[in-house]
Structures are given as C-alpha cells and as structure tokens.
Protein backbone atom coordinates (compact mmCIF):
# COMPACT_ATOMS: atom_id res chain seq x y z
CA MET A 1 16.32 -10.48 67.86
CA SER A 2 15.91 -10.29 64.07
CA SER A 3 19.23 -8.57 63.34
CA GLY A 4 22.65 -9.03 64.84
CA ARG A 5 26.22 -10.02 64.38
CA TRP A 6 25.88 -13.53 65.85
CA ARG A 7 23.57 -16.26 64.59
CA VAL A 8 22.35 -19.14 66.73
CA VAL A 9 21.81 -22.18 64.56
CA LEU A 10 20.31 -25.60 65.13
CA TRP A 11 21.62 -28.65 63.27
CA ASP A 12 19.67 -31.77 62.43
CA ASP A 13 20.22 -34.91 64.46
CA ASP A 14 18.72 -38.39 64.60
CA THR A 15 18.03 -38.28 68.33
CA ASN A 16 15.51 -35.51 69.07
CA THR A 17 11.91 -35.62 67.92
CA PRO A 18 10.25 -32.60 66.31
CA ALA A 19 8.06 -32.31 69.42
CA THR A 20 11.11 -32.12 71.71
CA VAL A 21 12.76 -29.52 69.51
CA ALA A 22 9.57 -27.43 69.35
CA PHE A 23 9.17 -27.63 73.14
CA VAL A 24 12.72 -26.42 73.77
CA LEU A 25 12.47 -23.65 71.19
CA HIS A 26 9.18 -22.37 72.61
CA ARG A 27 9.45 -22.92 76.36
CA VAL A 28 13.19 -22.66 76.91
CA VAL A 29 14.37 -20.28 74.17
CA GLY A 30 11.14 -18.25 74.04
CA LEU A 31 10.33 -18.42 70.33
CA PRO A 32 6.69 -17.89 69.34
CA LEU A 33 4.78 -21.18 69.15
CA GLY A 34 4.30 -21.05 65.37
CA THR A 35 8.01 -20.51 64.77
CA ALA A 36 8.92 -23.22 67.28
CA LEU A 37 6.64 -25.69 65.48
CA ASP A 38 7.99 -24.79 62.00
CA LEU A 39 11.72 -24.86 62.74
CA PRO A 40 12.04 -28.63 63.36
CA HIS A 41 10.69 -29.27 59.86
CA GLU A 42 13.12 -26.75 58.37
CA VAL A 43 16.01 -28.37 60.22
CA ASP A 44 14.92 -31.80 58.99
CA ALA A 45 14.63 -30.62 55.38
CA ARG A 46 17.74 -28.41 55.18
CA GLY A 47 19.98 -29.89 57.87
CA VAL A 48 20.26 -26.56 59.70
CA ALA A 49 18.05 -23.62 60.66
CA GLU A 50 18.64 -20.23 62.20
CA VAL A 51 17.09 -19.83 65.64
CA GLY A 52 17.96 -16.16 66.13
CA ARG A 53 20.42 -13.31 65.65
CA TYR A 54 22.08 -11.42 68.46
CA ASP A 55 24.25 -8.33 68.77
CA ASP A 56 25.90 -9.67 71.92
CA LEU A 57 27.98 -12.87 71.74
CA GLU A 58 27.15 -13.76 75.35
CA ASP A 59 23.41 -13.70 74.64
CA ALA A 60 23.90 -15.90 71.58
CA GLU A 61 26.03 -18.38 73.52
CA LEU A 62 23.49 -18.49 76.36
CA THR A 63 20.69 -19.33 73.92
CA ALA A 64 22.77 -22.08 72.29
CA ALA A 65 23.72 -23.47 75.71
CA ARG A 66 20.07 -23.60 76.80
CA MET A 67 19.31 -25.78 73.79
CA GLN A 68 22.38 -27.95 74.35
CA VAL A 69 21.24 -28.77 77.89
CA PHE A 70 18.27 -30.54 76.30
CA GLY A 71 20.50 -32.39 73.83
CA LEU A 72 19.91 -30.20 70.78
CA HIS A 73 22.84 -29.64 68.44
CA SER A 74 23.12 -25.87 68.44
CA GLY A 75 25.90 -23.38 68.08
CA VAL A 76 26.88 -19.78 67.43
CA VAL A 77 28.27 -18.59 64.12
CA PRO A 78 29.31 -15.08 63.09
CA GLU A 79 27.16 -13.14 60.64
C-alpha cells in the first residue's frame, strides 16, 4: 500500500479524539498500531495526513468510506 495513484487522506476535525482516530485506523483500516497511534498527532499538527496509497480507485474509496462511517473526515485525492 506504499505506492499508488490514489491517496487516502485524513483531515483534522474538532469532533474526534486521537484515541477514536487511532482505533479506526488500526482496527477498521488495518494500519499497524504504531502508525495508527502516530497519525492523529500528525493530523492535529499539520491539518491533514496520508493514510495510504492505492493503485485502484475502488480500494481507496472503500478505505475512505470505512473511516467516514465512524465520523472521520477522510477522502481520496489523485497522486
């Protein structure tokens, strides 16, 4: 998932806690625990963070949708 034409990104919001974001990234999206724990801090500091890169648009959209179900502000952007 490290290279691809589609990037799944997560934007900062004032609603979700870092713990909620880390839970969704690890348990729902499948990111390694360390990455899932680090990304909420990156999102908070920078306003946005990359969750993953995908070759297939459908896979990228599915990942973004899984996060959106839990109220995270995610989306798909082209490389």
